[in-house]
C-alpha atoms as a PDB file:
ATOM      1  CA  UNK A   1      24.878-123.261 -68.186  1.00  0.00           C
ATOM      2  CA  UNK A   2      23.238-123.715 -65.041  1.00  0.00           C
ATOM      3  CA  UNK A   3      24.579-125.166 -62.048  1.00  0.00           C
ATOM      4  CA  UNK A   4      22.442-126.528 -58.949  1.00  0.00           C
ATOM      5  CA  UNK A   5      23.567-128.480 -55.468  1.00  0.00           C
ATOM      6  CA  UNK A   6      20.661-129.699 -53.332  1.00  0.00           C
ATOM      7  CA  UNK A   7      23.004-131.345 -50.295  1.00  0.00           C
ATOM      8  CA  UNK A   8      21.017-134.403 -50.769  1.00  0.00           C
ATOM      9  CA  UNK A   9      23.724-136.831 -51.953  1.00  0.00           C
ATOM     10  CA  UNK A  10      25.147-138.046 -48.718  1.00  0.00           C
ATOM     11  CA  UNK A  11      23.930-139.832 -45.233  1.00  0.00           C
ATOM     12  CA  UNK A  12      23.413-136.937 -42.438  1.00  0.00           C
ATOM     13  CA  UNK A  13      26.684-136.424 -40.550  1.00  0.00           C
ATOM     14  CA  UNK A  14      29.012-136.959 -43.667  1.00  0.00           C
ATOM     15  CA  UNK A  15      31.566-134.579 -43.723  1.00  0.00           C
ATOM     16  CA  UNK A  16      31.324-132.284 -46.887  1.00  0.00           C
ATOM     17  CA  UNK A  17      34.262-132.510 -49.247  1.00  0.00           C
ATOM     18  CA  UNK A  18      34.607-131.157 -53.218  1.00  0.00           C
ATOM     19  CA  UNK A  19      34.576-135.070 -54.165  1.00  0.00           C
ATOM     20  CA  UNK A  20      31.305-135.882 -52.134  1.00  0.00           C
ATOM     21  CA  UNK A  21      29.167-133.206 -53.114  1.00  0.00           C
ATOM     22  CA  UNK A  22      27.818-134.249 -56.144  1.00  0.00           C
ATOM     23  CA  UNK A  23      25.789-137.119 -57.198  1.00  0.00           C
ATOM     24  CA  UNK A  24      22.074-136.923 -55.903  1.00  0.00           C
ATOM     25  CA  UNK A  25      23.224-133.373 -54.846  1.00  0.00           C
ATOM     26  CA  UNK A  26      23.543-132.362 -58.497  1.00  0.00           C
ATOM     27  CA  UNK A  27      26.645-130.689 -59.433  1.00  0.00           C
ATOM     28  CA  UNK A  28      29.788-131.155 -57.533  1.00  0.00           C
ATOM     29  CA  UNK A  29      31.416-127.901 -56.150  1.00  0.00           C
ATOM     30  CA  UNK A  30      35.374-127.300 -57.136  1.00  0.00           C
ATOM     31  CA  UNK A  31      36.415-126.486 -53.828  1.00  0.00           C
ATOM     32  CA  UNK A  32      36.228-127.575 -50.124  1.00  0.00           C
ATOM     33  CA  UNK A  33      37.208-125.932 -47.116  1.00  0.00           C
ATOM     34  CA  UNK A  34      40.134-123.407 -45.819  1.00  0.00           C
ATOM     35  CA  UNK A  35      40.596-123.192 -42.163  1.00  0.00           C
ATOM     36  CA  UNK A  36      38.785-125.194 -39.641  1.00  0.00           C
ATOM     37  CA  UNK A  37      35.095-125.098 -40.053  1.00  0.00           C
ATOM     38  CA  UNK A  38      33.181-128.110 -39.804  1.00  0.00           C
ATOM     39  CA  UNK A  39      31.124-129.049 -42.673  1.00  0.00           C
ATOM     40  CA  UNK A  40      28.486-131.730 -42.926  1.00  0.00           C
ATOM     41  CA  UNK A  41      25.362-133.286 -44.684  1.00  0.00           C
ATOM     42  CA  UNK A  42      22.606-132.722 -42.111  1.00  0.00           C
ATOM     43  CA  UNK A  43      18.984-133.287 -41.678  1.00  0.00           C
ATOM     44  CA  UNK A  44      18.420-130.633 -38.424  1.00  0.00           C
ATOM     45  CA  UNK A  45      17.469-128.407 -41.186  1.00  0.00           C
ATOM     46  CA  UNK A  46      16.275-127.895 -44.983  1.00  0.00           C
ATOM     47  CA  UNK A  47      15.090-125.171 -47.147  1.00  0.00           C
ATOM     48  CA  UNK A  48      13.920-128.063 -49.692  1.00  0.00           C
ATOM     49  CA  UNK A  49      14.533-131.607 -49.330  1.00  0.00           C
ATOM     50  CA  UNK A  50      15.044-133.667 -46.519  1.00  0.00           C
ATOM     51  CA  UNK A  51      19.207-131.917 -45.644  1.00  0.00           C
ATOM     52  CA  UNK A  52      21.293-128.877 -45.939  1.00  0.00           C
ATOM     53  CA  UNK A  53      24.989-128.019 -45.419  1.00  0.00           C
ATOM     54  CA  UNK A  54      25.451-127.509 -41.546  1.00  0.00           C
ATOM     55  CA  UNK A  55      28.655-125.123 -41.014  1.00  0.00           C
ATOM     56  CA  UNK A  56      29.890-124.947 -37.566  1.00  0.00           C
ATOM     57  CA  UNK A  57      32.789-121.797 -37.341  1.00  0.00           C
ATOM     58  CA  UNK A  58      35.836-121.762 -35.573  1.00  0.00           C
ATOM     59  CA  UNK A  59      37.587-118.520 -34.784  1.00  0.00           C
ATOM     60  CA  UNK A  60      38.992-117.078 -38.373  1.00  0.00           C
ATOM     61  CA  UNK A  61      37.823-120.021 -39.864  1.00  0.00           C
ATOM     62  CA  UNK A  62      36.484-120.179 -43.561  1.00  0.00           C
ATOM     63  CA  UNK A  63      34.630-122.472 -46.234  1.00  0.00           C
ATOM     64  CA  UNK A  64      34.824-121.888 -50.037  1.00  0.00           C
ATOM     65  CA  UNK A  65      32.465-123.785 -52.361  1.00  0.00           C
ATOM     66  CA  UNK A  66      32.646-122.788 -55.716  1.00  0.00           C
ATOM     67  CA  UNK A  67      31.597-123.305 -59.498  1.00  0.00           C
ATOM     68  CA  UNK A  68      34.072-122.138 -62.065  1.00  0.00           C
ATOM     69  CA  UNK A  69      32.151-122.545 -65.633  1.00  0.00           C
ATOM     70  CA  UNK A  70      33.385-121.088 -68.574  1.00  0.00           C
ATOM     71  CA  UNK A  71      33.264-117.177 -68.000  1.00  0.00           C
ATOM     72  CA  UNK A  72      31.006-114.774 -69.498  1.00  0.00           C
ATOM     73  CA  UNK A  73      29.681-111.184 -69.038  1.00  0.00           C
ATOM     74  CA  UNK A  74      26.501-112.083 -66.967  1.00  0.00           C
ATOM     75  CA  UNK A  75      25.998-114.593 -64.304  1.00  0.00           C
ATOM     76  CA  UNK A  76      23.621-114.854 -61.806  1.00  0.00           C
ATOM     77  CA  UNK A  77      23.830-116.860 -58.173  1.00  0.00           C
ATOM     78  CA  UNK A  78      21.363-118.357 -55.823  1.00  0.00           C
ATOM     79  CA  UNK A  79      21.689-119.695 -52.221  1.00  0.00           C
ATOM     80  CA  UNK A  80      19.569-120.303 -49.108  1.00  0.00           C
ATOM     81  CA  UNK A  81      20.967-119.617 -45.574  1.00  0.00           C
ATOM     82  CA  UNK A  82      19.290-120.392 -42.053  1.00  0.00           C
ATOM     83  CA  UNK A  83      21.221-118.418 -39.279  1.00  0.00           C
ATOM     84  CA  UNK A  84      21.216-119.015 -35.798  1.00  0.00           C
ATOM     85  CA  UNK A  85      23.250-115.980 -35.041  1.00  0.00           C
ATOM     86  CA  UNK A  86      24.739-113.120 -36.433  1.00  0.00           C
ATOM     87  CA  UNK A  87      28.228-112.414 -37.147  1.00  0.00           C
ATOM     88  CA  UNK A  88      30.826-110.248 -35.133  1.00  0.00           C
ATOM     89  CA  UNK A  89      31.088-108.166 -38.412  1.00  0.00           C
ATOM     90  CA  UNK A  90      30.489-108.367 -42.227  1.00  0.00           C
ATOM     91  CA  UNK A  91      30.389-111.826 -43.254  1.00  0.00           C
ATOM     92  CA  UNK A  92      30.205-112.312 -47.136  1.00  0.00           C
ATOM     93  CA  UNK A  93      28.460-115.605 -47.781  1.00  0.00           C
ATOM     94  CA  UNK A  94      27.376-115.696 -51.589  1.00  0.00           C
ATOM     95  CA  UNK A  95      29.468-113.836 -54.174  1.00  0.00           C
ATOM     96  CA  UNK A  96      30.113-113.969 -57.940  1.00  0.00           C
ATOM     97  CA  UNK A  97      33.444-113.493 -58.460  1.00  0.00           C
ATOM     98  CA  UNK A  98      36.488-113.577 -61.124  1.00  0.00           C
ATOM     99  CA  UNK A  99      39.170-116.727 -60.928  1.00  0.00           C
ATOM    100  CA  UNK A 100      41.275-114.882 -58.619  1.00  0.00           C
ATOM    101  CA  UNK A 101      38.393-114.976 -56.292  1.00  0.00           C
ATOM    102  CA  UNK A 102      37.602-110.862 -55.966  1.00  0.00           C
ATOM    103  CA  UNK A 103      33.876-110.438 -55.739  1.00  0.00           C
ATOM    104  CA  UNK A 104      32.581-108.481 -58.077  1.00  0.00           C
ATOM    105  CA  UNK A 105      28.990-108.497 -56.699  1.00  0.00           C
ATOM    106  CA  UNK A 106      28.511-109.978 -53.136  1.00  0.00           C
ATOM    107  CA  UNK A 107      26.367-110.299 -50.341  1.00  0.00           C
ATOM    108  CA  UNK A 108      27.179-110.208 -46.786  1.00  0.00           C
ATOM    109  CA  UNK A 109      25.436-110.422 -43.514  1.00  0.00           C
ATOM    110  CA  UNK A 110      26.641-107.653 -40.613  1.00  0.00           C
ATOM    111  CA  UNK A 111      26.380-108.178 -36.842  1.00  0.00           C
ATOM    112  CA  UNK A 112      22.634-106.279 -36.848  1.00  0.00           C
ATOM    113  CA  UNK A 113      21.441-108.771 -39.181  1.00  0.00           C
ATOM    114  CA  UNK A 114      21.538-106.148 -42.119  1.00  0.00           C
ATOM    115  CA  UNK A 115      22.067-107.242 -46.006  1.00  0.00           C
ATOM    116  CA  UNK A 116      25.329-105.361 -47.115  1.00  0.00           C
ATOM    117  CA  UNK A 117      25.596-105.480 -51.063  1.00  0.00           C
ATOM    118  CA  UNK A 118      29.212-104.694 -52.547  1.00  0.00           C
ATOM    119  CA  UNK A 119      30.747-104.217 -55.730  1.00  0.00           C
ATOM    120  CA  UNK A 120      34.321-104.872 -56.622  1.00  0.00           C
ATOM    121  CA  UNK A 121      37.014-103.780 -54.148  1.00  0.00           C
ATOM    122  CA  UNK A 122      34.137-103.881 -51.422  1.00  0.00           C
ATOM    123  CA  UNK A 123      32.596-100.689 -52.592  1.00  0.00           C
ATOM    124  CA  UNK A 124      28.810-100.694 -50.933  1.00  0.00           C
ATOM    125  CA  UNK A 125      26.040-100.527 -53.227  1.00  0.00           C
ATOM    126  CA  UNK A 126      23.401-101.065 -50.567  1.00  0.00           C
ATOM    127  CA  UNK A 127      22.486-101.863 -47.318  1.00  0.00           C
ATOM    128  CA  UNK A 128      18.859-102.706 -45.648  1.00  0.00           C
ATOM    129  CA  UNK A 129      17.701-102.164 -42.583  1.00  0.00           C
ATOM    130  CA  UNK A 130      18.980-103.907 -39.452  1.00  0.00           C
ATOM    131  CA  UNK A 131      17.459-107.135 -38.645  1.00  0.00           C
ATOM    132  CA  UNK A 132      16.211-107.765 -42.013  1.00  0.00           C
ATOM    133  CA  UNK A 133      17.364-111.045 -42.169  1.00  0.00           C
ATOM    134  CA  UNK A 134      15.524-113.309 -39.595  1.00  0.00           C
ATOM    135  CA  UNK A 135      17.342-115.764 -37.462  1.00  0.00           C
ATOM    136  CA  UNK A 136      16.020-119.738 -37.319  1.00  0.00           C
ATOM    137  CA  UNK A 137      14.653-118.951 -41.079  1.00  0.00           C
ATOM    138  CA  UNK A 138      15.258-120.213 -44.145  1.00  0.00           C
ATOM    139  CA  UNK A 139      16.048-117.102 -46.344  1.00  0.00           C
ATOM    140  CA  UNK A 140      16.727-117.020 -50.000  1.00  0.00           C
ATOM    141  CA  UNK A 141      19.549-114.633 -51.801  1.00  0.00           C
ATOM    142  CA  UNK A 142      20.042-113.852 -55.335  1.00  0.00           C
ATOM    143  CA  UNK A 143      22.444-111.912 -57.165  1.00  0.00           C
ATOM    144  CA  UNK A 144      22.558-111.176 -60.833  1.00  0.00           C
ATOM    145  CA  UNK A 145      25.667-109.171 -62.459  1.00  0.00           C
ATOM    146  CA  UNK A 146      26.908-107.934 -65.426  1.00  0.00           C
ATOM    147  CA  UNK A 147      30.545-106.800 -66.219  1.00  0.00           C
ATOM    148  CA  UNK A 148      31.263-103.453 -67.526  1.00  0.00           C
ATOM    149  CA  UNK A 149      32.761-101.923 -70.380  1.00  0.00           C
ATOM    150  CA  UNK A 150      34.432 -99.412 -67.645  1.00  0.00           C
ATOM    151  CA  UNK A 151      34.826 -99.543 -64.070  1.00  0.00           C
ATOM    152  CA  UNK A 152      31.406 -97.468 -63.824  1.00  0.00           C
ATOM    153  CA  UNK A 153      28.881 -99.112 -66.088  1.00  0.00           C
ATOM    154  CA  UNK A 154      28.556-102.815 -64.964  1.00  0.00           C
ATOM    155  CA  UNK A 155      25.105-103.479 -63.374  1.00  0.00           C
ATOM    156  CA  UNK A 156      24.742-105.503 -60.440  1.00  0.00           C
ATOM    157  CA  UNK A 157      21.231-106.891 -58.796  1.00  0.00           C
ATOM    158  CA  UNK A 158      20.557-108.434 -55.682  1.00  0.00           C
ATOM    159  CA  UNK A 159      17.292-109.749 -53.833  1.00  0.00           C
ATOM    160  CA  UNK A 160      16.234-111.801 -50.421  1.00  0.00           C
ATOM    161  CA  UNK A 161      12.942-113.491 -50.092  1.00  0.00           C
ATOM    162  CA  UNK A 162      11.725-115.904 -47.469  1.00  0.00           C
ATOM    163  CA  UNK A 163      12.373-119.179 -48.501  1.00  0.00           C
ATOM    164  CA  UNK A 164      11.025-120.376 -51.702  1.00  0.00           C
ATOM    165  CA  UNK A 165       8.628-116.680 -51.862  1.00  0.00           C
ATOM    166  CA  UNK A 166       8.639-114.954 -55.378  1.00  0.00           C
ATOM    167  CA  UNK A 167       8.191-112.023 -53.524  1.00  0.00           C
ATOM    168  CA  UNK A 168      11.502-110.404 -52.230  1.00  0.00           C
ATOM    169  CA  UNK A 169      11.363-108.334 -48.664  1.00  0.00           C
ATOM    170  CA  UNK A 170      14.500-106.394 -50.258  1.00  0.00           C
ATOM    171  CA  UNK A 171      15.854-106.043 -53.580  1.00  0.00           C
ATOM    172  CA  UNK A 172      18.559-103.504 -55.302  1.00  0.00           C
ATOM    173  CA  UNK A 173      19.110-102.684 -58.552  1.00  0.00           C
ATOM    174  CA  UNK A 174      22.370-100.477 -59.364  1.00  0.00           C
ATOM    175  CA  UNK A 175      21.699 -99.790 -62.943  1.00  0.00           C
ATOM    176  CA  UNK A 176      24.709 -99.443 -64.903  1.00  0.00           C
ATOM    177  CA  UNK A 177      26.572 -97.616 -62.230  1.00  0.00           C
ATOM    178  CA  UNK A 178      28.665-100.328 -60.725  1.00  0.00           C
ATOM    179  CA  UNK A 179      32.312-101.585 -60.369  1.00  0.00           C
ATOM    180  CA  UNK A 180      31.678-105.233 -61.426  1.00  0.00           C
ATOM    181  CA  UNK A 181      34.998-105.660 -63.396  1.00  0.00           C
ATOM    182  CA  UNK A 182      35.820-105.356 -66.760  1.00  0.00           C
ATOM    183  CA  UNK A 183      36.872-108.908 -66.775  1.00  0.00           C
ATOM    184  CA  UNK A 184      34.620-111.896 -67.124  1.00  0.00           C
ATOM    185  CA  UNK A 185      33.022-113.761 -64.528  1.00  0.00           C
ATOM    186  CA  UNK A 186      33.730-117.674 -63.446  1.00  0.00           C
ATOM    187  CA  UNK A 187      33.546-118.014 -60.075  1.00  0.00           C
ATOM    188  CA  UNK A 188      30.603-118.714 -58.351  1.00  0.00           C
ATOM    189  CA  UNK A 189      31.337-119.094 -54.637  1.00  0.00           C
ATOM    190  CA  UNK A 190      29.209-120.006 -51.456  1.00  0.00           C
ATOM    191  CA  UNK A 191      29.857-120.540 -47.679  1.00  0.00           C
ATOM    192  CA  UNK A 192      31.794-118.520 -44.899  1.00  0.00           C
ATOM    193  CA  UNK A 193      33.842-116.380 -47.400  1.00  0.00           C
ATOM    194  CA  UNK A 194      35.824-114.163 -44.965  1.00  0.00           C
ATOM    195  CA  UNK A 195      37.714-115.863 -42.443  1.00  0.00           C
ATOM    196  CA  UNK A 196      37.983-113.287 -39.704  1.00  0.00           C
ATOM    197  CA  UNK A 197      34.559-112.788 -38.436  1.00  0.00           C
ATOM    198  CA  UNK A 198      33.087-115.310 -36.094  1.00  0.00           C
ATOM    199  CA  UNK A 199      29.869-116.232 -36.327  1.00  0.00           C
ATOM    200  CA  UNK A 200      27.255-119.029 -35.032  1.00  0.00           C
ATOM    201  CA  UNK A 201      26.444-122.194 -36.607  1.00  0.00           C
ATOM    202  CA  UNK A 202      24.715-121.815 -39.859  1.00  0.00           C
ATOM    203  CA  UNK A 203      22.989-124.061 -42.842  1.00  0.00           C
ATOM    204  CA  UNK A 204      23.115-123.485 -46.584  1.00  0.00           C
ATOM    205  CA  UNK A 205      21.244-125.196 -49.058  1.00  0.00           C
ATOM    206  CA  UNK A 206      19.666-124.929 -52.668  1.00  0.00           C
ATOM    207  CA  UNK A 207      22.616-123.471 -54.278  1.00  0.00           C
ATOM    208  CA  UNK A 208      22.658-122.840 -57.942  1.00  0.00           C
ATOM    209  CA  UNK A 209      24.537-120.605 -60.629  1.00  0.00           C
ATOM    210  CA  UNK A 210      24.098-119.517 -64.137  1.00  0.00           C
ATOM    211  CA  UNK A 211      26.949-118.011 -66.223  1.00  0.00           C
ATOM    212  CA  UNK A 212      24.594-116.997 -69.141  1.00  0.00           C
ATOM    213  CA  UNK A 213      21.794-115.519 -67.122  1.00  0.00           C
ATOM    214  CA  UNK A 214      20.118-112.144 -67.650  1.00  0.00           C
ATOM    215  CA  UNK A 215      18.062-112.163 -64.437  1.00  0.00           C
ATOM    216  CA  UNK A 216      17.531-114.185 -61.324  1.00  0.00           C
ATOM    217  CA  UNK A 217      17.295-117.926 -60.955  1.00  0.00           C
ATOM    218  CA  UNK A 218      13.778-118.486 -60.555  1.00  0.00           C
ATOM    219  CA  UNK A 219      13.210-120.278 -56.781  1.00  0.00           C
ATOM    220  CA  UNK A 220      12.782-124.043 -56.317  1.00  0.00           C
ATOM    221  CA  UNK A 221       9.126-125.019 -55.881  1.00  0.00           C
ATOM    222  CA  UNK A 222       6.502-127.657 -56.988  1.00  0.00           C
ATOM    223  CA  UNK A 223       3.776-124.725 -56.466  1.00  0.00           C
ATOM    224  CA  UNK A 224       2.792-123.823 -60.359  1.00  0.00           C
ATOM    225  CA  UNK A 225       0.889-120.760 -59.251  1.00  0.00           C
ATOM    226  CA  UNK A 226       4.081-119.675 -57.803  1.00  0.00           C
ATOM    227  CA  UNK A 227       6.121-120.135 -60.958  1.00  0.00           C
ATOM    228  CA  UNK A 228       3.328-118.347 -62.987  1.00  0.00           C
ATOM    229  CA  UNK A 229       3.801-115.205 -60.630  1.00  0.00           C
ATOM    230  CA  UNK A 230       7.400-115.385 -60.932  1.00  0.00           C
ATOM    231  CA  UNK A 231       7.783-115.717 -64.503  1.00  0.00           C
END
């Protein structure tokens, strides 16, 4: 089942809650905030459309937005992020998890602007070069993962692209060697998922999840040529 949210459903400046996150934005999220992080609909930045979600963290704050469709053995997640500064340590921003919230395939950004892709238990799968994630630019992250029969034969794939580009500037595929859990996936999480690292104001937009995916979710675009290149 494909679920999408575009941050277009409420006026600029409205506080984001699970209750007001649907409607014109698409599918509503199942959770709002933990901690004291400020989260609003904002017209200051947008990857597509006119708005995004503006997140203004405070020390040790977090934000968890998630979907929990019917559990499955494969799934994909997509989200755009616009950073105004790097975190003070690894900050998890997108993750496919089991219902307890344990990440089984997650993307963090570290203090040097590198992409950190991890499996269950936080084990490193791959890390990009420092500075791979540009500041003040929309970056689209994609994750696709498959559970394993054991803790060493699952598969996790991820990529990063500028905006709606079909051509990633970073890509990784573990093959069937990852610990992605032997339990089915049923949470797809977006936001500031670690509460300890500090990070400057950032924006997220065009969030999507598919719990029956066998590959990445296609990027949002109205350019027919791009769709053909990405098919």
